[in-house]
Amino acid sequence: MIANNYFEGNPAMHALQRHKKIIDYLAENGFAGVAQLSEMFEVSQVTIRTDLRLLDEKGKIDRKHGGAALKEGEPLPFSFTSQALSERKSAIARMAISSINEGDTIFLDSSATVWHLALELRKLKNITVISHSIPIFEIFKDYSEGTLFGISGTLNHFSQSFVGHFAEETIRKLRATKAFISPNAILPEGLRCINMMEAAIRRCMIESSAETIVLADSSKFSNTFANSKALFGIDGFESVSQIYSDAPPTDETFINLFKEKKIRFTCSS
């Protein structure tokens, strides 16, 4: 049996649970083979092929020869990404909450990991939250202990956030003590995003903040098919003061880079 913490080897696992775990795995690794998934789940290859066909029909994945990969050409909707790898994202959010102080004004991007941070953040008092994310608006709509400033613009249906020139200009006129950013990928040259307009919003948040804090699960540091789709640069590491993750990167290049840039790196494992 291939050891992997996504798979519990339960033949009776409900198909919907199995579908979610398949996409979780693809979100981190980019591709999985039919035989590999069959062994991981202890179900037949016929069952796995049925799973992949259903996920493909729903637009969640692309079936490839011998397996499946993440859907190409468009990002997964927020309704899925907020649940994928949720335990890792929650653990990262619980660590990151310690960097927020009473009286802070903070930018929150539209990523699923930062959404998990928002869930923790609503417990704090006297915080000003600035965001372009509708799911984050929902979290703070009854936040009476602080202030929510919502940024409007053109709706990105997949991320459920506002983007575009109007949103960017609004952010440029604001100032925050901290920006919390979760990129789609982290490369030695900097933070990357799969969507050009979302990259621009994150860049504006960084430029309008005194400090940038990055939240990124360990898959963001890996050279996977999924990360190769993150074409658009957000920023380098010059403005980044802290990175929170679930595990250290396996590539020594990143460890040396963070030391050189004096970036604090904190992980939950």
C-alpha atoms as a PDB file:
ATOM      1  CA  MET A   1       0.000   0.000   0.000  1.00  0.00           C
ATOM      2  CA  ILE A   2       1.297   3.465  -0.874  1.00  0.00           C
ATOM      3  CA  ALA A   3       1.398   5.594   2.248  1.00  0.00           C
ATOM      4  CA  ASN A   4      -0.393   8.906   1.854  1.00  0.00           C
ATOM      5  CA  ASN A   5      -2.248  10.906   4.476  1.00  0.00           C
ATOM      6  CA  TYR A   6      -5.068  11.711   2.041  1.00  0.00           C
ATOM      7  CA  PHE A   7      -6.151   8.087   1.773  1.00  0.00           C
ATOM      8  CA  GLU A   8      -7.378   5.874   4.529  1.00  0.00           C
ATOM      9  CA  GLY A   9      -7.707   2.696   2.471  1.00  0.00           C
ATOM     10  CA  ASN A  10     -11.399   2.277   3.259  1.00  0.00           C
ATOM     11  CA  PRO A  11     -13.211   0.249   0.571  1.00  0.00           C
ATOM     12  CA  ALA A  12     -16.592   1.346   1.940  1.00  0.00           C
ATOM     13  CA  MET A  13     -15.748   5.040   1.654  1.00  0.00           C
ATOM     14  CA  HIS A  14     -18.653   6.932   0.155  1.00  0.00           C
ATOM     15  CA  ALA A  15     -18.089   7.966  -3.459  1.00  0.00           C
ATOM     16  CA  LEU A  16     -18.487  11.680  -2.652  1.00  0.00           C
ATOM     17  CA  GLN A  17     -15.820  11.440   0.055  1.00  0.00           C
ATOM     18  CA  ARG A  18     -13.542   9.652  -2.381  1.00  0.00           C
ATOM     19  CA  HIS A  19     -14.148  12.334  -5.037  1.00  0.00           C
ATOM     20  CA  LYS A  20     -13.134  15.074  -2.606  1.00  0.00           C
ATOM     21  CA  LYS A  21      -9.961  13.236  -1.623  1.00  0.00           C
ATOM     22  CA  ILE A  22      -9.075  12.647  -5.277  1.00  0.00           C
ATOM     23  CA  ILE A  23      -9.301  16.383  -5.977  1.00  0.00           C
ATOM     24  CA  ASP A  24      -7.377  17.149  -2.769  1.00  0.00           C
ATOM     25  CA  TYR A  25      -4.582  14.934  -4.067  1.00  0.00           C
ATOM     26  CA  LEU A  26      -4.651  16.535  -7.520  1.00  0.00           C
ATOM     27  CA  ALA A  27      -4.613  19.997  -5.925  1.00  0.00           C
ATOM     28  CA  GLU A  28      -1.259  19.150  -4.351  1.00  0.00           C
ATOM     29  CA  ASN A  29       0.306  16.806  -6.906  1.00  0.00           C
ATOM     30  CA  GLY A  30      -1.284  17.799 -10.197  1.00  0.00           C
ATOM     31  CA  PHE A  31      -1.714  14.264 -11.616  1.00  0.00           C
ATOM     32  CA  ALA A  32      -2.672  10.781 -10.423  1.00  0.00           C
ATOM     33  CA  GLY A  33      -2.859   7.494 -12.297  1.00  0.00           C
ATOM     34  CA  VAL A  34      -5.818   5.112 -12.246  1.00  0.00           C
ATOM     35  CA  ALA A  35      -3.724   2.262 -10.861  1.00  0.00           C
ATOM     36  CA  GLN A  36      -2.237   4.549  -8.211  1.00  0.00           C
ATOM     37  CA  LEU A  37      -5.665   5.742  -7.030  1.00  0.00           C
ATOM     38  CA  SER A  38      -7.029   2.197  -7.097  1.00  0.00           C
ATOM     39  CA  GLU A  39      -4.260   1.031  -4.774  1.00  0.00           C
ATOM     40  CA  MET A  40      -4.557   4.047  -2.491  1.00  0.00           C
ATOM     41  CA  PHE A  41      -8.311   3.598  -2.000  1.00  0.00           C
ATOM     42  CA  GLU A  42      -8.353  -0.203  -2.132  1.00  0.00           C
ATOM     43  CA  VAL A  43     -11.080  -0.141  -4.790  1.00  0.00           C
ATOM     44  CA  SER A  44     -11.102  -1.498  -8.329  1.00  0.00           C
ATOM     45  CA  GLN A  45      -9.742   0.409 -11.298  1.00  0.00           C
ATOM     46  CA  VAL A  46     -13.243   0.259 -12.777  1.00  0.00           C
ATOM     47  CA  THR A  47     -14.526   2.203  -9.749  1.00  0.00           C
ATOM     48  CA  ILE A  48     -11.752   4.773 -10.099  1.00  0.00           C
ATOM     49  CA  ARG A  49     -12.457   5.221 -13.805  1.00  0.00           C
ATOM     50  CA  THR A  50     -16.110   5.847 -12.928  1.00  0.00           C
ATOM     51  CA  ASP A  51     -15.048   8.397 -10.301  1.00  0.00           C
ATOM     52  CA  LEU A  52     -12.832  10.216 -12.790  1.00  0.00           C
ATOM     53  CA  ARG A  53     -15.528  10.200 -15.484  1.00  0.00           C
ATOM     54  CA  LEU A  54     -18.036  11.789 -13.075  1.00  0.00           C
ATOM     55  CA  LEU A  55     -15.544  14.415 -11.915  1.00  0.00           C
ATOM     56  CA  ASP A  56     -14.652  15.181 -15.520  1.00  0.00           C
ATOM     57  CA  GLU A  57     -18.327  15.615 -16.420  1.00  0.00           C
ATOM     58  CA  LYS A  58     -18.708  18.064 -13.530  1.00  0.00           C
ATOM     59  CA  GLY A  59     -15.759  20.086 -14.856  1.00  0.00           C
ATOM     60  CA  LYS A  60     -13.601  19.414 -11.785  1.00  0.00           C
ATOM     61  CA  ILE A  61     -10.770  17.518 -13.528  1.00  0.00           C
ATOM     62  CA  ASP A  62      -9.364  16.623 -16.938  1.00  0.00           C
ATOM     63  CA  ARG A  63      -9.058  12.931 -17.699  1.00  0.00           C
ATOM     64  CA  LYS A  64      -5.647  12.110 -19.125  1.00  0.00           C
ATOM     65  CA  HIS A  65      -4.215   8.898 -20.545  1.00  0.00           C
ATOM     66  CA  GLY A  66      -4.045   6.529 -17.591  1.00  0.00           C
ATOM     67  CA  GLY A  67      -5.271   9.005 -15.005  1.00  0.00           C
ATOM     68  CA  ALA A  68      -6.413  12.557 -14.334  1.00  0.00           C
ATOM     69  CA  ALA A  69      -5.099  16.071 -13.731  1.00  0.00           C
ATOM     70  CA  LEU A  70      -6.483  19.314 -12.423  1.00  0.00           C
ATOM     71  CA  LYS A  71      -8.802  21.105 -14.808  1.00  0.00           C
ATOM     72  CA  GLU A  72      -6.773  23.175 -17.248  1.00  0.00           C
ATOM     73  CA  GLY A  73      -7.614  26.667 -18.399  1.00  0.00           C
ATOM     74  CA  GLU A  74      -9.679  27.873 -15.471  1.00  0.00           C
ATOM     75  CA  PRO A  75      -9.309  27.844 -11.676  1.00  0.00           C
ATOM     76  CA  LEU A  76     -11.403  25.735  -9.348  1.00  0.00           C
ATOM     77  CA  PRO A  77     -14.297  27.605  -7.738  1.00  0.00           C
ATOM     78  CA  PHE A  78     -13.920  28.984  -4.213  1.00  0.00           C
ATOM     79  CA  SER A  79     -16.648  26.629  -2.980  1.00  0.00           C
ATOM     80  CA  PHE A  80     -14.213  23.779  -3.636  1.00  0.00           C
ATOM     81  CA  THR A  81     -10.861  25.360  -2.768  1.00  0.00           C
ATOM     82  CA  SER A  82     -12.114  26.464   0.665  1.00  0.00           C
ATOM     83  CA  GLN A  83     -12.635  22.771   1.518  1.00  0.00           C
ATOM     84  CA  ALA A  84      -9.584  21.252  -0.201  1.00  0.00           C
ATOM     85  CA  LEU A  85      -6.694  20.598   2.214  1.00  0.00           C
ATOM     86  CA  SER A  86      -8.843  22.317   4.865  1.00  0.00           C
ATOM     87  CA  GLU A  87      -7.012  20.815   7.855  1.00  0.00           C
ATOM     88  CA  ARG A  88      -3.686  22.193   6.635  1.00  0.00           C
ATOM     89  CA  LYS A  89      -5.173  25.598   5.891  1.00  0.00           C
ATOM     90  CA  SER A  90      -6.845  25.782   9.301  1.00  0.00           C
ATOM     91  CA  ALA A  91      -3.581  24.895  11.046  1.00  0.00           C
ATOM     92  CA  ILE A  92      -1.763  27.628   9.123  1.00  0.00           C
ATOM     93  CA  ALA A  93      -4.503  30.137   9.986  1.00  0.00           C
ATOM     94  CA  ARG A  94      -4.285  29.327  13.705  1.00  0.00           C
ATOM     95  CA  MET A  95      -0.561  30.081  13.639  1.00  0.00           C
ATOM     96  CA  ALA A  96      -0.945  33.278  11.627  1.00  0.00           C
ATOM     97  CA  ILE A  97      -3.518  34.772  13.986  1.00  0.00           C
ATOM     98  CA  SER A  98      -0.697  35.398  16.478  1.00  0.00           C
ATOM     99  CA  SER A  99       0.781  38.034  14.134  1.00  0.00           C
ATOM    100  CA  ILE A 100      -2.309  40.253  14.352  1.00  0.00           C
ATOM    101  CA  ASN A 101      -2.496  42.900  17.056  1.00  0.00           C
ATOM    102  CA  GLU A 102      -5.350  44.986  18.376  1.00  0.00           C
ATOM    103  CA  GLY A 103      -5.689  48.117  16.278  1.00  0.00           C
ATOM    104  CA  ASP A 104      -4.242  46.551  13.110  1.00  0.00           C
ATOM    105  CA  THR A 105      -5.619  47.392   9.695  1.00  0.00           C
ATOM    106  CA  ILE A 106      -5.186  44.374   7.460  1.00  0.00           C
ATOM    107  CA  PHE A 107      -5.701  43.369   3.844  1.00  0.00           C
ATOM    108  CA  LEU A 108      -7.120  39.878   3.290  1.00  0.00           C
ATOM    109  CA  ASP A 109      -6.912  38.400  -0.208  1.00  0.00           C
ATOM    110  CA  SER A 110      -9.503  36.078  -1.760  1.00  0.00           C
ATOM    111  CA  SER A 111      -7.639  32.798  -1.210  1.00  0.00           C
ATOM    112  CA  ALA A 112      -9.096  29.842   0.660  1.00  0.00           C
ATOM    113  CA  THR A 113      -6.249  29.829   3.193  1.00  0.00           C
ATOM    114  CA  VAL A 114      -6.837  33.481   4.071  1.00  0.00           C
ATOM    115  CA  TRP A 115     -10.556  32.678   4.346  1.00  0.00           C
ATOM    116  CA  HIS A 116      -9.615  30.200   7.085  1.00  0.00           C
ATOM    117  CA  LEU A 117      -7.642  33.003   8.753  1.00  0.00           C
ATOM    118  CA  ALA A 118     -10.752  35.211   8.615  1.00  0.00           C
ATOM    119  CA  LEU A 119     -12.688  32.555  10.532  1.00  0.00           C
ATOM    120  CA  GLU A 120     -10.124  32.845  13.344  1.00  0.00           C
ATOM    121  CA  LEU A 121      -9.852  36.619  13.042  1.00  0.00           C
ATOM    122  CA  ARG A 122     -13.491  37.368  13.822  1.00  0.00           C
ATOM    123  CA  LYS A 123     -12.751  36.370  17.425  1.00  0.00           C
ATOM    124  CA  LEU A 124     -10.490  39.429  17.818  1.00  0.00           C
ATOM    125  CA  LYS A 125     -11.511  42.982  18.693  1.00  0.00           C
ATOM    126  CA  ASN A 126     -10.682  46.391  17.234  1.00  0.00           C
ATOM    127  CA  ILE A 127      -9.418  45.134  13.870  1.00  0.00           C
ATOM    128  CA  THR A 128     -10.050  46.843  10.538  1.00  0.00           C
ATOM    129  CA  VAL A 129     -10.403  44.277   7.757  1.00  0.00           C
ATOM    130  CA  ILE A 130     -10.072  45.334   4.107  1.00  0.00           C
ATOM    131  CA  SER A 131     -10.954  42.714   1.512  1.00  0.00           C
ATOM    132  CA  HIS A 132     -12.327  42.160  -1.988  1.00  0.00           C
ATOM    133  CA  SER A 133     -13.633  38.674  -1.142  1.00  0.00           C
ATOM    134  CA  ILE A 134     -17.373  38.021  -0.889  1.00  0.00           C
ATOM    135  CA  PRO A 135     -16.889  34.915   1.349  1.00  0.00           C
ATOM    136  CA  ILE A 136     -14.882  37.121   3.727  1.00  0.00           C
ATOM    137  CA  PHE A 137     -17.640  39.750   3.612  1.00  0.00           C
ATOM    138  CA  GLU A 138     -19.998  36.998   4.782  1.00  0.00           C
ATOM    139  CA  ILE A 139     -17.747  36.134   7.723  1.00  0.00           C
ATOM    140  CA  PHE A 140     -17.579  39.741   8.920  1.00  0.00           C
ATOM    141  CA  LYS A 141     -21.074  40.970   8.045  1.00  0.00           C
ATOM    142  CA  ASP A 142     -22.034  40.895  11.743  1.00  0.00           C
ATOM    143  CA  TYR A 143     -18.589  41.872  13.071  1.00  0.00           C
ATOM    144  CA  SER A 144     -19.467  44.513  15.655  1.00  0.00           C
ATOM    145  CA  GLU A 145     -16.096  44.430  17.444  1.00  0.00           C
ATOM    146  CA  GLY A 146     -14.213  46.022  14.539  1.00  0.00           C
ATOM    147  CA  THR A 147     -14.575  47.362  10.987  1.00  0.00           C
ATOM    148  CA  LEU A 148     -14.997  45.742   7.586  1.00  0.00           C
ATOM    149  CA  PHE A 149     -14.095  47.761   4.484  1.00  0.00           C
ATOM    150  CA  GLY A 150     -15.309  46.040   1.333  1.00  0.00           C
ATOM    151  CA  ILE A 151     -13.609  46.653  -2.013  1.00  0.00           C
ATOM    152  CA  SER A 152     -15.859  46.525  -5.077  1.00  0.00           C
ATOM    153  CA  GLY A 153     -15.078  46.106  -8.760  1.00  0.00           C
ATOM    154  CA  THR A 154     -15.622  43.454 -11.436  1.00  0.00           C
ATOM    155  CA  LEU A 155     -16.769  40.113 -10.067  1.00  0.00           C
ATOM    156  CA  ASN A 156     -14.490  37.093 -10.520  1.00  0.00           C
ATOM    157  CA  HIS A 157     -17.034  34.263 -10.340  1.00  0.00           C
ATOM    158  CA  PHE A 158     -14.505  31.547  -9.566  1.00  0.00           C
ATOM    159  CA  SER A 159     -12.833  33.250  -6.599  1.00  0.00           C
ATOM    160  CA  GLN A 160     -16.027  35.109  -5.605  1.00  0.00           C
ATOM    161  CA  SER A 161     -14.046  38.338  -5.360  1.00  0.00           C
ATOM    162  CA  PHE A 162     -13.925  41.777  -6.951  1.00  0.00           C
ATOM    163  CA  VAL A 163     -11.045  42.560  -9.305  1.00  0.00           C
ATOM    164  CA  GLY A 164     -10.165  45.014 -12.051  1.00  0.00           C
ATOM    165  CA  HIS A 165      -9.061  48.636 -12.386  1.00  0.00           C
ATOM    166  CA  PHE A 166     -11.596  50.093  -9.936  1.00  0.00           C
ATOM    167  CA  ALA A 167     -10.671  47.612  -7.202  1.00  0.00           C
ATOM    168  CA  GLU A 168      -6.949  48.188  -7.777  1.00  0.00           C
ATOM    169  CA  GLU A 169      -7.290  51.987  -7.613  1.00  0.00           C
ATOM    170  CA  THR A 170      -9.301  51.704  -4.389  1.00  0.00           C
ATOM    171  CA  ILE A 171      -6.587  49.588  -2.756  1.00  0.00           C
ATOM    172  CA  ARG A 172      -3.861  52.030  -3.859  1.00  0.00           C
ATOM    173  CA  LYS A 173      -5.622  54.818  -1.926  1.00  0.00           C
ATOM    174  CA  LEU A 174      -5.648  52.802   1.298  1.00  0.00           C
ATOM    175  CA  ARG A 175      -2.949  51.912   3.813  1.00  0.00           C
ATOM    176  CA  ALA A 176      -2.726  48.857   6.051  1.00  0.00           C
ATOM    177  CA  THR A 177      -0.346  47.600   8.690  1.00  0.00           C
ATOM    178  CA  LYS A 178      -0.320  44.064   7.239  1.00  0.00           C
ATOM    179  CA  ALA A 179      -1.341  42.218   4.067  1.00  0.00           C
ATOM    180  CA  PHE A 180      -2.133  38.519   4.289  1.00  0.00           C
ATOM    181  CA  ILE A 181      -1.447  36.873   0.944  1.00  0.00           C
ATOM    182  CA  SER A 182      -1.734  33.240  -0.132  1.00  0.00           C
ATOM    183  CA  PRO A 183      -0.285  32.735  -3.635  1.00  0.00           C
ATOM    184  CA  ASN A 184      -1.031  29.783  -5.900  1.00  0.00           C
ATOM    185  CA  ALA A 185       2.677  28.968  -6.060  1.00  0.00           C
ATOM    186  CA  ILE A 186       5.988  30.120  -4.609  1.00  0.00           C
ATOM    187  CA  LEU A 187       9.022  30.016  -6.876  1.00  0.00           C
ATOM    188  CA  PRO A 188      12.588  31.187  -6.136  1.00  0.00           C
ATOM    189  CA  GLU A 189      11.824  34.392  -8.046  1.00  0.00           C
ATOM    190  CA  GLY A 190       8.720  35.197  -6.017  1.00  0.00           C
ATOM    191  CA  LEU A 191       4.993  34.720  -5.432  1.00  0.00           C
ATOM    192  CA  ARG A 192       2.836  33.521  -8.342  1.00  0.00           C
ATOM    193  CA  CYS A 193      -0.865  33.445  -9.238  1.00  0.00           C
ATOM    194  CA  ILE A 194      -2.931  31.598 -11.840  1.00  0.00           C
ATOM    195  CA  ASN A 195      -5.125  34.629 -12.570  1.00  0.00           C
ATOM    196  CA  MET A 196      -3.724  37.902 -13.905  1.00  0.00           C
ATOM    197  CA  MET A 197      -6.340  40.142 -12.255  1.00  0.00           C
ATOM    198  CA  GLU A 198      -6.046  38.399  -8.890  1.00  0.00           C
ATOM    199  CA  ALA A 199      -2.265  38.788  -9.124  1.00  0.00           C
ATOM    200  CA  ALA A 200      -2.715  42.534  -9.674  1.00  0.00           C
ATOM    201  CA  ILE A 201      -4.992  42.838  -6.618  1.00  0.00           C
ATOM    202  CA  ARG A 202      -2.491  41.033  -4.405  1.00  0.00           C
ATOM    203  CA  ARG A 203       0.328  43.219  -5.753  1.00  0.00           C
ATOM    204  CA  CYS A 204      -1.631  46.354  -4.856  1.00  0.00           C
ATOM    205  CA  MET A 205      -2.282  45.027  -1.347  1.00  0.00           C
ATOM    206  CA  ILE A 206       1.424  44.388  -0.832  1.00  0.00           C
ATOM    207  CA  GLU A 207       2.359  47.855  -2.092  1.00  0.00           C
ATOM    208  CA  SER A 208      -0.193  49.477   0.240  1.00  0.00           C
ATOM    209  CA  SER A 209       0.933  47.614   3.373  1.00  0.00           C
ATOM    210  CA  ALA A 210       3.744  48.117   5.825  1.00  0.00           C
ATOM    211  CA  GLU A 211       4.268  44.353   6.108  1.00  0.00           C
ATOM    212  CA  THR A 212       3.403  41.292   4.026  1.00  0.00           C
ATOM    213  CA  ILE A 213       2.662  37.924   5.603  1.00  0.00           C
ATOM    214  CA  VAL A 214       2.376  34.883   3.345  1.00  0.00           C
ATOM    215  CA  LEU A 215       0.227  31.834   4.127  1.00  0.00           C
ATOM    216  CA  ALA A 216       1.096  28.801   2.009  1.00  0.00           C
ATOM    217  CA  ASP A 217       0.731  25.080   2.481  1.00  0.00           C
ATOM    218  CA  SER A 218       3.804  23.057   1.563  1.00  0.00           C
ATOM    219  CA  SER A 219       2.416  22.041  -1.848  1.00  0.00           C
ATOM    220  CA  LYS A 220       2.911  25.648  -3.014  1.00  0.00           C
ATOM    221  CA  PHE A 221       6.699  25.112  -2.927  1.00  0.00           C
ATOM    222  CA  SER A 222       6.685  21.959  -5.059  1.00  0.00           C
ATOM    223  CA  ASN A 223       7.366  21.705  -8.784  1.00  0.00           C
ATOM    224  CA  THR A 224       3.986  20.199  -9.727  1.00  0.00           C
ATOM    225  CA  PHE A 225       1.724  20.418 -12.752  1.00  0.00           C
ATOM    226  CA  ALA A 226      -0.665  22.574 -10.725  1.00  0.00           C
ATOM    227  CA  ASN A 227       2.034  25.076  -9.766  1.00  0.00           C
ATOM    228  CA  SER A 228       3.280  25.291 -13.348  1.00  0.00           C
ATOM    229  CA  LYS A 229      -0.030  26.974 -14.246  1.00  0.00           C
ATOM    230  CA  ALA A 230       0.718  29.913 -11.910  1.00  0.00           C
ATOM    231  CA  LEU A 231       1.913  32.149 -14.742  1.00  0.00           C
ATOM    232  CA  PHE A 232       1.448  35.604 -13.259  1.00  0.00           C
ATOM    233  CA  GLY A 233       3.908  37.229 -10.889  1.00  0.00           C
ATOM    234  CA  ILE A 234       2.560  38.900  -7.749  1.00  0.00           C
ATOM    235  CA  ASP A 235       5.798  40.176  -6.227  1.00  0.00           C
ATOM    236  CA  GLY A 236       9.285  39.154  -5.143  1.00  0.00           C
ATOM    237  CA  PHE A 237      10.246  38.534  -1.523  1.00  0.00           C
ATOM    238  CA  GLU A 238      11.435  42.039  -0.638  1.00  0.00           C
ATOM    239  CA  SER A 239       8.221  42.957   1.174  1.00  0.00           C
ATOM    240  CA  VAL A 240       7.650  39.562   2.819  1.00  0.00           C
ATOM    241  CA  SER A 241       8.486  39.440   6.530  1.00  0.00           C
ATOM    242  CA  GLN A 242       6.877  36.134   7.542  1.00  0.00           C
ATOM    243  CA  ILE A 243       5.737  32.888   5.923  1.00  0.00           C
ATOM    244  CA  TYR A 244       3.431  30.412   7.662  1.00  0.00           C
ATOM    245  CA  SER A 245       3.166  26.863   6.314  1.00  0.00           C
ATOM    246  CA  ASP A 246       2.330  23.325   7.404  1.00  0.00           C
ATOM    247  CA  ALA A 247       5.823  21.975   6.629  1.00  0.00           C
ATOM    248  CA  PRO A 248       9.212  23.305   5.520  1.00  0.00           C
ATOM    249  CA  PRO A 249      10.037  23.214   1.799  1.00  0.00           C
ATOM    250  CA  THR A 250      12.080  20.203   0.758  1.00  0.00           C
ATOM    251  CA  ASP A 251      14.106  22.288  -1.700  1.00  0.00           C
ATOM    252  CA  GLU A 252      17.131  23.834   0.055  1.00  0.00           C
ATOM    253  CA  THR A 253      16.936  26.735  -2.412  1.00  0.00           C
ATOM    254  CA  PHE A 254      13.958  28.150  -0.526  1.00  0.00           C
ATOM    255  CA  ILE A 255      15.504  27.685   2.903  1.00  0.00           C
ATOM    256  CA  ASN A 256      18.651  29.527   1.835  1.00  0.00           C
ATOM    257  CA  LEU A 257      16.597  32.231   0.113  1.00  0.00           C
ATOM    258  CA  PHE A 258      14.503  32.909   3.197  1.00  0.00           C
ATOM    259  CA  LYS A 259      17.645  33.176   5.319  1.00  0.00           C
ATOM    260  CA  GLU A 260      19.180  35.587   2.832  1.00  0.00           C
ATOM    261  CA  LYS A 261      16.033  37.748   2.752  1.00  0.00           C
ATOM    262  CA  LYS A 262      15.640  37.521   6.561  1.00  0.00           C
ATOM    263  CA  ILE A 263      12.139  36.083   6.179  1.00  0.00           C
ATOM    264  CA  ARG A 264      10.789  34.314   9.254  1.00  0.00           C
ATOM    265  CA  PHE A 265       9.433  30.849   8.414  1.00  0.00           C
ATOM    266  CA  THR A 266       7.037  29.117  10.806  1.00  0.00           C
ATOM    267  CA  CYS A 267       5.465  25.721  10.212  1.00  0.00           C
ATOM    268  CA  SER A 268       3.067  23.508  12.148  1.00  0.00           C
ATOM    269  CA  SER A 269       5.132  20.324  11.787  1.00  0.00           C
END
